[in-house]
Amino acid sequence: HRRQVAETLRDVAAMLASTLDLDPLLDSILESLSRVVVYDAVAVLLANDEGTLTVHEARGLPAVVAAIGKKVPVREGGRFSRVQEARRPLIFGPKDSAGAYHQLINLPPDHSCLAAPLIARDQFIGFLAVEQIKPDSYTPDDAEVVLALAGQAALAISNARLYEAEREQAWVSTALLQVAEATTRAAGVDEVLSTVVRITPLLSGVDRCAVLLWDSAQNVFRGAHQYGLSREQAGVFADLRIAPAHWRPL
């Protein structure tokens, strides 16, 4: 068993070195975990700024897989908060309150839970939660194995986030440079606004963008430039005239 654990950790380390694509990497880590720890359900929960956890990846029971993308409070019944404070894996049995996460995945009250913190570069980023339907299923040896895999998962998440942040920053800088170059070359306001409505969706992740200009002769806002509208929508937008009194402030 120890040899199998060592081989699994080596395989995971090799995966970490080969890719920065977070989702398939976490899926592989959870698959690797099944080689060394028995579980009915396992999930990676990531901490959010607003004090919640998002179920980012999961395997096993249909209820836990269906929970992917859903959020629960960090202090959901005490289990996760106790793991966060201890900064080490903890084993929970029937005497511990189930909490919002375990209600979400609908496990029986007498299930077993082994939860480990995800900590990378001394920063807490979430939890790795391993579950079995029957009670008293996990041992301290299991906790050590899960801790090792949690460390690998935390490193993968941290590296993937750093890579994504750097890539996004480079992309934004390139887009802003294109805006600056386009506006410098523009012959007039119309060309500048045409560039703005094309670049804004790329920077903000929206599908459509439009600019309305003030027409002082008619005392209305009129549709001027747009991007992402259908032919029919573009025609309606071009004919749009909105008086200030008819446009309530947000």
Protein backbone atom coordinates (compact mmCIF):
# COMPACT_ATOMS: atom_id res chain seq x y z
CA HIS A 1 0.00 0.00 0.00
CA ARG A 2 2.85 2.39 0.84
CA ARG A 3 4.44 1.64 -2.53
CA GLN A 4 1.16 2.35 -4.28
CA VAL A 5 0.82 5.66 -2.41
CA ALA A 6 4.36 6.65 -3.38
CA GLU A 7 3.71 5.77 -7.04
CA THR A 8 0.46 7.75 -7.02
CA LEU A 9 2.15 10.82 -5.58
CA ARG A 10 4.91 10.50 -8.18
CA ASP A 11 2.32 10.28 -10.98
CA VAL A 12 0.51 13.34 -9.66
CA ALA A 13 3.77 15.28 -9.43
CA ALA A 14 4.46 14.40 -13.09
CA MET A 15 1.02 15.67 -14.06
CA LEU A 16 1.67 18.92 -12.21
CA ALA A 17 4.78 19.46 -14.29
CA SER A 18 3.03 18.71 -17.58
CA THR A 19 -0.01 21.01 -17.57
CA LEU A 20 -1.52 24.15 -16.09
CA ASP A 21 -5.07 23.33 -17.15
CA LEU A 22 -6.81 23.21 -13.78
CA ASP A 23 -9.99 21.20 -14.40
CA PRO A 24 -8.47 18.08 -16.03
CA LEU A 25 -5.62 18.22 -13.53
CA LEU A 26 -7.98 18.15 -10.54
CA ASP A 27 -10.00 15.38 -12.16
CA SER A 28 -6.80 13.35 -12.50
CA ILE A 29 -5.88 14.01 -8.86
CA LEU A 30 -9.28 12.75 -7.69
CA GLU A 31 -8.93 9.72 -9.94
CA SER A 32 -5.50 9.06 -8.44
CA LEU A 33 -6.95 9.36 -4.95
CA SER A 34 -9.26 6.42 -5.68
CA ARG A 35 -6.16 4.21 -6.00
CA VAL A 36 -5.09 4.77 -2.40
CA VAL A 37 -8.24 5.74 -0.42
CA VAL A 38 -11.70 4.20 -0.58
CA TYR A 39 -14.51 6.72 -1.00
CA ASP A 40 -18.11 6.99 -2.12
CA ALA A 41 -17.73 10.68 -2.88
CA VAL A 42 -14.89 13.18 -3.09
CA ALA A 43 -14.89 16.89 -3.84
CA VAL A 44 -12.59 19.87 -4.14
CA LEU A 45 -14.15 22.99 -2.61
CA LEU A 46 -12.51 26.35 -3.30
CA ALA A 47 -12.82 29.41 -1.07
CA ASN A 48 -14.37 32.60 -2.47
CA ASP A 49 -13.82 36.18 -1.34
CA GLU A 50 -17.37 36.51 -0.02
CA GLY A 51 -16.88 33.79 2.60
CA THR A 52 -18.33 30.85 0.68
CA LEU A 53 -17.02 27.62 -0.81
CA THR A 54 -17.66 26.53 -4.38
CA VAL A 55 -17.75 22.84 -5.24
CA HIS A 56 -15.19 23.04 -8.05
CA GLU A 57 -14.65 19.35 -8.88
CA ALA A 58 -16.26 16.13 -7.62
CA ARG A 59 -16.47 12.39 -8.27
CA GLY A 60 -18.52 9.49 -6.97
CA LEU A 61 -22.15 9.72 -5.92
CA PRO A 62 -24.50 11.47 -8.38
CA ALA A 63 -25.53 13.97 -5.68
CA VAL A 64 -21.97 15.19 -5.16
CA VAL A 65 -21.30 15.44 -8.91
CA ALA A 66 -24.54 17.41 -9.28
CA ALA A 67 -23.25 19.83 -6.62
CA ILE A 68 -20.40 21.06 -8.86
CA GLY A 69 -20.64 24.86 -9.17
CA LYS A 70 -22.84 25.26 -6.09
CA LYS A 71 -21.82 27.31 -3.05
CA VAL A 72 -21.97 26.70 0.70
CA PRO A 73 -20.87 28.91 3.63
CA VAL A 74 -17.31 28.40 4.85
CA ARG A 75 -18.60 28.06 8.41
CA GLU A 76 -21.19 25.47 7.44
CA GLY A 77 -21.83 23.60 10.65
CA GLY A 78 -18.27 23.73 11.97
CA ARG A 79 -16.48 20.96 10.07
CA PHE A 80 -14.66 23.01 7.47
CA SER A 81 -13.95 25.85 9.86
CA ARG A 82 -12.34 23.38 12.27
CA VAL A 83 -10.16 21.99 9.47
CA GLN A 84 -9.18 25.51 8.43
CA GLU A 85 -8.19 26.41 11.97
CA ALA A 86 -6.26 23.16 12.51
CA ARG A 87 -4.56 23.41 9.07
CA ARG A 88 -4.45 19.61 8.95
CA PRO A 89 -6.84 16.78 7.98
CA LEU A 90 -9.61 15.88 10.41
CA ILE A 91 -11.81 12.78 10.53
CA PHE A 92 -15.47 13.29 11.33
CA GLY A 93 -18.07 10.75 12.43
CA PRO A 94 -21.80 10.66 13.22
CA LYS A 95 -21.39 12.74 16.38
CA ASP A 96 -20.38 15.78 14.32
CA SER A 97 -23.02 18.02 12.80
CA ALA A 98 -23.48 17.43 9.08
CA GLY A 99 -23.54 21.05 7.92
CA ALA A 100 -24.72 22.64 4.69
CA TYR A 101 -22.30 20.81 2.39
CA HIS A 102 -23.32 17.34 3.58
CA GLN A 103 -26.97 18.30 3.36
CA LEU A 104 -26.27 19.40 -0.21
CA ILE A 105 -24.79 16.03 -1.20
CA ASN A 106 -27.47 14.17 0.83
CA LEU A 107 -25.35 11.70 2.79
CA PRO A 108 -26.87 9.79 5.75
CA PRO A 109 -26.17 11.18 9.24
CA ASP A 110 -23.83 8.29 10.17
CA HIS A 111 -21.46 8.73 7.22
CA SER A 112 -17.69 9.18 7.49
CA CYS A 113 -15.90 12.33 6.36
CA LEU A 114 -12.18 13.02 5.98
CA ALA A 115 -11.50 16.68 5.18
CA ALA A 116 -8.10 18.20 4.43
CA PRO A 117 -7.21 21.87 3.92
CA LEU A 118 -5.85 23.07 0.59
CA ILE A 119 -2.90 25.30 1.43
CA ALA A 120 -0.41 26.63 -1.12
CA ARG A 121 2.39 29.08 -0.39
CA ASP A 122 0.98 29.35 3.15
CA GLN A 123 -2.36 30.57 1.76
CA PHE A 124 -5.61 28.74 2.47
CA ILE A 125 -7.57 28.18 -0.76
CA GLY A 126 -10.13 25.48 0.03
CA PHE A 127 -10.73 21.86 1.07
CA LEU A 128 -10.48 18.32 -0.19
CA ALA A 129 -13.41 16.33 1.25
CA VAL A 130 -13.56 12.52 1.09
CA GLU A 131 -16.74 10.72 2.12
CA GLN A 132 -18.02 7.20 2.77
CA ILE A 133 -21.62 6.29 3.48
CA LYS A 134 -20.73 3.91 6.33
CA PRO A 135 -19.37 5.19 9.68
CA ASP A 136 -15.81 4.86 11.07
CA SER A 137 -14.29 4.31 7.62
CA TYR A 138 -11.12 6.40 7.85
CA THR A 139 -7.89 6.09 9.81
CA PRO A 140 -4.96 8.41 10.58
CA ASP A 141 -3.03 6.69 7.76
CA ASP A 142 -5.82 7.66 5.35
CA ALA A 143 -5.56 11.22 6.64
CA GLU A 144 -1.85 11.32 5.80
CA VAL A 145 -2.51 10.10 2.26
CA VAL A 146 -5.28 12.62 1.71
CA LEU A 147 -3.06 15.38 3.11
CA ALA A 148 -0.37 14.53 0.56
CA LEU A 149 -2.86 14.61 -2.32
CA ALA A 150 -4.37 17.83 -0.95
CA GLY A 151 -0.92 19.40 -1.05
CA GLN A 152 -0.56 18.40 -4.71
CA ALA A 153 -4.03 19.72 -5.52
CA ALA A 154 -3.37 23.01 -3.74
CA LEU A 155 -0.14 23.51 -5.68
CA ALA A 156 -1.94 22.76 -8.95
CA ILE A 157 -4.68 25.26 -8.18
CA SER A 158 -2.21 27.95 -7.13
CA ASN A 159 -0.02 27.50 -10.21
CA ALA A 160 -3.01 27.44 -12.55
CA ARG A 161 -4.40 30.63 -11.02
CA LEU A 162 -1.06 32.41 -11.28
CA TYR A 163 -0.70 31.34 -14.90
CA GLU A 164 -4.25 32.41 -15.73
CA ALA A 165 -3.79 35.79 -14.02
CA GLU A 166 -0.56 36.45 -15.92
CA ARG A 167 -2.13 35.36 -19.21
CA GLU A 168 -5.18 37.55 -18.62
CA GLN A 169 -3.00 40.54 -17.73
CA ALA A 170 -0.95 40.07 -20.90
CA TRP A 171 -4.12 39.77 -22.96
CA VAL A 172 -5.63 42.94 -21.42
CA SER A 173 -2.40 44.85 -22.01
CA THR A 174 -2.37 43.74 -25.65
CA ALA A 175 -6.01 44.73 -26.13
CA LEU A 176 -5.45 48.15 -24.55
CA LEU A 177 -2.42 48.66 -26.79
CA GLN A 178 -4.62 47.86 -29.80
CA VAL A 179 -7.16 50.42 -28.59
CA ALA A 180 -4.46 53.06 -28.20
CA GLU A 181 -3.08 52.35 -31.67
CA ALA A 182 -6.54 52.33 -33.26
CA THR A 183 -7.62 55.57 -31.62
CA THR A 184 -4.33 57.22 -32.61
CA ARG A 185 -4.88 56.27 -36.25
CA ALA A 186 -8.59 57.14 -36.21
CA ALA A 187 -9.65 59.96 -38.52
CA GLY A 188 -12.51 61.05 -36.29
CA VAL A 189 -14.84 60.31 -33.39
CA ASP A 190 -16.83 57.72 -35.36
CA GLU A 191 -13.77 55.55 -35.88
CA VAL A 192 -12.82 55.86 -32.22
CA LEU A 193 -16.29 54.79 -31.05
CA SER A 194 -16.39 51.95 -33.56
CA THR A 195 -13.14 50.64 -32.06
CA VAL A 196 -14.45 51.05 -28.52
CA VAL A 197 -17.61 48.97 -29.10
CA ARG A 198 -15.53 46.19 -30.71
CA ILE A 199 -12.84 46.05 -28.01
CA THR A 200 -15.09 46.40 -24.93
CA PRO A 201 -16.75 42.95 -25.29
CA LEU A 202 -13.30 41.36 -25.54
CA LEU A 203 -12.13 43.02 -22.34
CA SER A 204 -15.30 42.57 -20.29
CA GLY A 205 -16.57 39.21 -21.55
CA VAL A 206 -19.95 40.49 -22.78
CA ASP A 207 -21.60 39.63 -26.09
CA ARG A 208 -22.78 43.06 -27.17
CA CYS A 209 -21.80 46.69 -26.75
CA ALA A 210 -23.42 49.91 -27.96
CA VAL A 211 -22.90 53.65 -27.69
CA LEU A 212 -25.64 56.26 -27.68
CA LEU A 213 -24.72 59.87 -28.44
CA TRP A 214 -26.44 63.07 -27.42
CA ASP A 215 -28.18 64.86 -30.30
CA SER A 216 -28.43 68.50 -29.22
CA ALA A 217 -30.62 69.43 -32.20
CA GLN A 218 -33.36 66.96 -31.18
CA ASN A 219 -32.57 66.82 -27.44
CA VAL A 220 -32.41 63.02 -27.51
CA PHE A 221 -29.90 60.21 -27.22
CA ARG A 222 -29.62 58.36 -30.54
CA GLY A 223 -28.16 54.97 -31.39
CA ALA A 224 -24.70 55.54 -32.84
CA HIS A 225 -22.36 52.54 -32.76
CA GLN A 226 -22.92 48.92 -31.84
CA TYR A 227 -21.23 45.54 -31.88
CA GLY A 228 -22.78 42.07 -31.59
CA LEU A 229 -26.35 42.94 -32.57
CA SER A 230 -28.20 41.03 -35.28
CA ARG A 231 -29.08 42.80 -38.52
CA GLU A 232 -32.64 43.40 -37.28
CA GLN A 233 -31.46 44.58 -33.85
CA ALA A 234 -28.89 46.89 -35.46
CA GLY A 235 -31.64 48.51 -37.54
CA VAL A 236 -33.80 49.09 -34.48
CA PHE A 237 -30.81 50.49 -32.58
CA ALA A 238 -29.93 52.92 -35.39
CA ASP A 239 -33.46 54.34 -35.27
CA LEU A 240 -33.45 54.57 -31.48
CA ARG A 241 -34.19 57.98 -29.99
CA ILE A 242 -34.47 58.39 -26.23
CA ALA A 243 -35.40 61.62 -24.49
CA PRO A 244 -33.82 62.20 -21.06
CA ALA A 245 -37.24 62.19 -19.43
CA HIS A 246 -37.90 58.69 -20.79
CA TRP A 247 -34.62 57.20 -19.58
CA ARG A 248 -34.76 56.71 -15.86
CA PRO A 249 -31.42 56.95 -14.06
CA LEU A 250 -30.06 53.64 -12.71
